[in-house]
Amino acid sequence: MSLKEQFDAAVAASKQLPERPDNMTLLKIYALYKQASEGDVQGSRPGFTDMVGRAKYDAWAGLQGTSSDEAMQQYIDLIESLK
């Protein structure tokens, strides 16, 4: 199974976790997914009134420079640990 296939399977599995992860873990899942699928963060940081958007942006920006393959592997490992 290729890394992309494993990643796609992990994305599907993330929607069927036995319990909802805490907010910090959800941010990590979001950031790894975005880094793996789109690369480094783009656009400007949301304003202070958009707290959720800022948190997501900051989590994604924290992974800047991480390769797509590395982000995919980290995503897979994180989802596996939550099963």
N, C-alpha and C. Protein backbone atom coordinates (compact mmCIF):
# COMPACT_ATOMS: atom_id res chain seq x y z
N MET A 1 0.85 -1.19 0.00
CA MET A 1 0.00 0.00 0.00
C MET A 1 0.89 1.25 0.00
N SER A 2 0.64 2.16 -0.91
CA SER A 2 1.46 3.37 -1.00
C SER A 2 1.14 4.32 0.16
N LEU A 3 2.03 5.27 0.36
CA LEU A 3 1.83 6.25 1.43
C LEU A 3 0.53 7.02 1.20
N LYS A 4 0.24 7.39 -0.05
CA LYS A 4 -0.99 8.12 -0.37
C LYS A 4 -2.22 7.29 -0.04
N GLU A 5 -2.18 5.99 -0.35
CA GLU A 5 -3.31 5.11 -0.03
C GLU A 5 -3.49 4.97 1.47
N GLN A 6 -2.37 4.87 2.20
CA GLN A 6 -2.44 4.80 3.66
C GLN A 6 -3.02 6.08 4.23
N PHE A 7 -2.60 7.21 3.65
CA PHE A 7 -3.09 8.51 4.08
C PHE A 7 -4.60 8.61 3.86
N ASP A 8 -5.05 8.22 2.66
CA ASP A 8 -6.48 8.26 2.35
C ASP A 8 -7.28 7.37 3.31
N ALA A 9 -6.72 6.20 3.65
CA ALA A 9 -7.38 5.30 4.58
C ALA A 9 -7.44 5.93 5.98
N ALA A 10 -6.39 6.62 6.37
CA ALA A 10 -6.35 7.29 7.67
C ALA A 10 -7.36 8.44 7.72
N VAL A 11 -7.51 9.16 6.62
CA VAL A 11 -8.50 10.24 6.55
C VAL A 11 -9.90 9.66 6.76
N ALA A 12 -10.18 8.53 6.10
CA ALA A 12 -11.48 7.88 6.27
C ALA A 12 -11.65 7.40 7.71
N ALA A 13 -10.60 6.84 8.28
CA ALA A 13 -10.65 6.34 9.66
C ALA A 13 -10.83 7.47 10.66
N SER A 14 -10.33 8.66 10.33
CA SER A 14 -10.42 9.79 11.26
C SER A 14 -11.88 10.20 11.49
N LYS A 15 -12.74 9.88 10.54
CA LYS A 15 -14.15 10.23 10.66
C LYS A 15 -14.93 9.21 11.49
N GLN A 16 -14.26 8.10 11.84
CA GLN A 16 -14.93 7.03 12.58
C GLN A 16 -14.18 6.67 13.86
N LEU A 17 -13.52 7.64 14.47
CA LEU A 17 -12.81 7.37 15.72
C LEU A 17 -13.81 7.04 16.82
N PRO A 18 -13.41 6.19 17.78
CA PRO A 18 -14.34 5.79 18.84
C PRO A 18 -14.81 6.96 19.71
N GLU A 19 -13.96 7.96 19.91
CA GLU A 19 -14.38 9.14 20.65
C GLU A 19 -13.73 10.38 20.05
N ARG A 20 -14.36 11.51 20.28
CA ARG A 20 -13.86 12.78 19.71
C ARG A 20 -12.58 13.20 20.44
N PRO A 21 -11.51 13.44 19.68
CA PRO A 21 -10.26 13.89 20.31
C PRO A 21 -10.41 15.29 20.94
N ASP A 22 -9.50 15.63 21.84
CA ASP A 22 -9.53 16.97 22.43
C ASP A 22 -9.15 18.02 21.37
N ASN A 23 -9.39 19.28 21.69
CA ASN A 23 -9.19 20.36 20.71
C ASN A 23 -7.76 20.45 20.20
N MET A 24 -6.76 20.24 21.07
CA MET A 24 -5.37 20.33 20.62
C MET A 24 -5.05 19.22 19.62
N THR A 25 -5.59 18.03 19.87
CA THR A 25 -5.38 16.92 18.94
C THR A 25 -6.10 17.19 17.62
N LEU A 26 -7.30 17.75 17.69
CA LEU A 26 -8.03 18.10 16.47
C LEU A 26 -7.25 19.12 15.64
N LEU A 27 -6.64 20.09 16.30
CA LEU A 27 -5.82 21.08 15.59
C LEU A 27 -4.63 20.41 14.91
N LYS A 28 -4.01 19.46 15.60
CA LYS A 28 -2.86 18.74 15.04
C LYS A 28 -3.31 17.93 13.81
N ILE A 29 -4.46 17.26 13.92
CA ILE A 29 -5.00 16.50 12.79
C ILE A 29 -5.25 17.43 11.60
N TYR A 30 -5.88 18.57 11.87
CA TYR A 30 -6.18 19.55 10.82
C TYR A 30 -4.88 20.04 10.16
N ALA A 31 -3.91 20.43 10.98
CA ALA A 31 -2.67 20.99 10.45
C ALA A 31 -1.91 19.96 9.61
N LEU A 32 -1.83 18.73 10.10
CA LEU A 32 -1.13 17.69 9.34
C LEU A 32 -1.84 17.40 8.02
N TYR A 33 -3.17 17.38 8.06
CA TYR A 33 -3.93 17.14 6.82
C TYR A 33 -3.65 18.26 5.80
N LYS A 34 -3.73 19.50 6.25
CA LYS A 34 -3.51 20.63 5.34
C LYS A 34 -2.08 20.63 4.79
N GLN A 35 -1.11 20.35 5.66
CA GLN A 35 0.29 20.34 5.22
C GLN A 35 0.51 19.21 4.20
N ALA A 36 -0.09 18.06 4.45
CA ALA A 36 0.08 16.92 3.56
C ALA A 36 -0.61 17.15 2.22
N SER A 37 -1.78 17.79 2.24
CA SER A 37 -2.54 17.93 1.00
C SER A 37 -2.27 19.23 0.24
N GLU A 38 -1.89 20.30 0.95
CA GLU A 38 -1.72 21.60 0.27
C GLU A 38 -0.32 22.19 0.41
N GLY A 39 0.51 21.67 1.30
CA GLY A 39 1.84 22.22 1.50
C GLY A 39 1.81 23.34 2.53
N ASP A 40 2.82 24.21 2.49
CA ASP A 40 2.93 25.28 3.47
C ASP A 40 1.72 26.21 3.46
N VAL A 41 1.45 26.78 4.63
CA VAL A 41 0.30 27.66 4.82
C VAL A 41 0.35 28.83 3.84
N GLN A 42 -0.83 29.22 3.37
CA GLN A 42 -0.94 30.35 2.44
C GLN A 42 -1.96 31.33 2.99
N GLY A 43 -1.93 32.54 2.47
CA GLY A 43 -2.90 33.55 2.88
C GLY A 43 -2.46 34.26 4.14
N SER A 44 -3.28 35.20 4.55
CA SER A 44 -2.95 35.97 5.74
C SER A 44 -3.65 35.38 6.96
N ARG A 45 -3.08 35.65 8.11
CA ARG A 45 -3.61 35.14 9.37
C ARG A 45 -4.95 35.83 9.66
N PRO A 46 -5.97 35.05 10.05
CA PRO A 46 -7.27 35.65 10.36
C PRO A 46 -7.18 36.66 11.52
N GLY A 47 -8.12 37.58 11.55
CA GLY A 47 -8.15 38.62 12.58
C GLY A 47 -8.46 38.06 13.97
N PHE A 48 -8.27 38.89 14.98
CA PHE A 48 -8.43 38.44 16.37
C PHE A 48 -9.86 38.05 16.71
N THR A 49 -10.84 38.45 15.90
CA THR A 49 -12.23 38.07 16.17
C THR A 49 -12.54 36.64 15.73
N ASP A 50 -11.68 36.08 14.88
CA ASP A 50 -11.86 34.71 14.39
C ASP A 50 -10.89 33.79 15.14
N MET A 51 -11.26 33.44 16.37
CA MET A 51 -10.37 32.66 17.22
C MET A 51 -10.10 31.26 16.64
N VAL A 52 -11.12 30.61 16.12
CA VAL A 52 -10.95 29.26 15.57
C VAL A 52 -10.06 29.32 14.33
N GLY A 53 -10.33 30.27 13.45
CA GLY A 53 -9.52 30.42 12.25
C GLY A 53 -8.06 30.70 12.57
N ARG A 54 -7.82 31.54 13.59
CA ARG A 54 -6.45 31.84 14.00
C ARG A 54 -5.75 30.61 14.53
N ALA A 55 -6.45 29.83 15.35
CA ALA A 55 -5.86 28.62 15.93
C ALA A 55 -5.49 27.63 14.82
N LYS A 56 -6.39 27.47 13.85
CA LYS A 56 -6.12 26.57 12.73
C LYS A 56 -4.92 27.07 11.92
N TYR A 57 -4.92 28.36 11.62
CA TYR A 57 -3.82 28.95 10.84
C TYR A 57 -2.50 28.76 11.56
N ASP A 58 -2.48 29.06 12.86
CA ASP A 58 -1.24 28.94 13.64
C ASP A 58 -0.74 27.50 13.71
N ALA A 59 -1.68 26.54 13.86
CA ALA A 59 -1.30 25.13 13.91
C ALA A 59 -0.67 24.71 12.58
N TRP A 60 -1.29 25.14 11.47
CA TRP A 60 -0.78 24.80 10.14
C TRP A 60 0.56 25.50 9.91
N ALA A 61 0.68 26.75 10.29
CA ALA A 61 1.92 27.51 10.10
C ALA A 61 3.07 26.88 10.89
N GLY A 62 2.75 26.23 12.00
CA GLY A 62 3.78 25.58 12.81
C GLY A 62 4.45 24.41 12.10
N LEU A 63 3.83 23.92 11.05
CA LEU A 63 4.39 22.80 10.29
C LEU A 63 5.12 23.26 9.03
N GLN A 64 5.28 24.55 8.86
CA GLN A 64 5.92 25.09 7.67
C GLN A 64 7.27 24.42 7.44
N GLY A 65 7.51 24.02 6.20
CA GLY A 65 8.78 23.37 5.85
C GLY A 65 8.72 21.85 5.95
N THR A 66 7.67 21.31 6.55
CA THR A 66 7.50 19.85 6.62
C THR A 66 7.08 19.34 5.26
N SER A 67 7.73 18.29 4.78
CA SER A 67 7.38 17.76 3.46
C SER A 67 6.01 17.11 3.50
N SER A 68 5.41 17.01 2.33
CA SER A 68 4.08 16.41 2.22
C SER A 68 4.11 14.95 2.70
N ASP A 69 5.13 14.21 2.29
CA ASP A 69 5.24 12.80 2.70
C ASP A 69 5.41 12.66 4.21
N GLU A 70 6.22 13.53 4.79
CA GLU A 70 6.43 13.49 6.25
C GLU A 70 5.13 13.82 6.99
N ALA A 71 4.39 14.81 6.50
CA ALA A 71 3.12 15.18 7.12
C ALA A 71 2.11 14.03 6.99
N MET A 72 2.10 13.37 5.83
CA MET A 72 1.20 12.22 5.65
C MET A 72 1.52 11.12 6.66
N GLN A 73 2.81 10.82 6.83
CA GLN A 73 3.20 9.76 7.76
C GLN A 73 2.83 10.13 9.20
N GLN A 74 3.05 11.38 9.58
CA GLN A 74 2.68 11.83 10.93
C GLN A 74 1.16 11.75 11.12
N TYR A 75 0.41 12.10 10.10
CA TYR A 75 -1.06 12.02 10.16
C TYR A 75 -1.50 10.57 10.37
N ILE A 76 -0.94 9.68 9.57
CA ILE A 76 -1.27 8.25 9.68
C ILE A 76 -0.97 7.75 11.09
N ASP A 77 0.22 8.08 11.60
CA ASP A 77 0.63 7.62 12.93
C ASP A 77 -0.31 8.17 14.01
N LEU A 78 -0.70 9.45 13.87
CA LEU A 78 -1.59 10.06 14.87
C LEU A 78 -2.96 9.40 14.87
N ILE A 79 -3.52 9.18 13.70
CA ILE A 79 -4.84 8.53 13.61
C ILE A 79 -4.77 7.12 14.16
N GLU A 80 -3.70 6.39 13.84
CA GLU A 80 -3.55 5.02 14.37
C GLU A 80 -3.50 5.03 15.89
N SER A 81 -2.84 6.02 16.46
CA SER A 81 -2.73 6.09 17.93
C SER A 81 -4.06 6.43 18.60
N LEU A 82 -4.99 7.01 17.85
CA LEU A 82 -6.28 7.39 18.41
C LEU A 82 -7.35 6.29 18.27
N LYS A 83 -7.05 5.26 17.50
CA LYS A 83 -8.02 4.18 17.28
C LYS A 83 -8.23 3.37 18.56
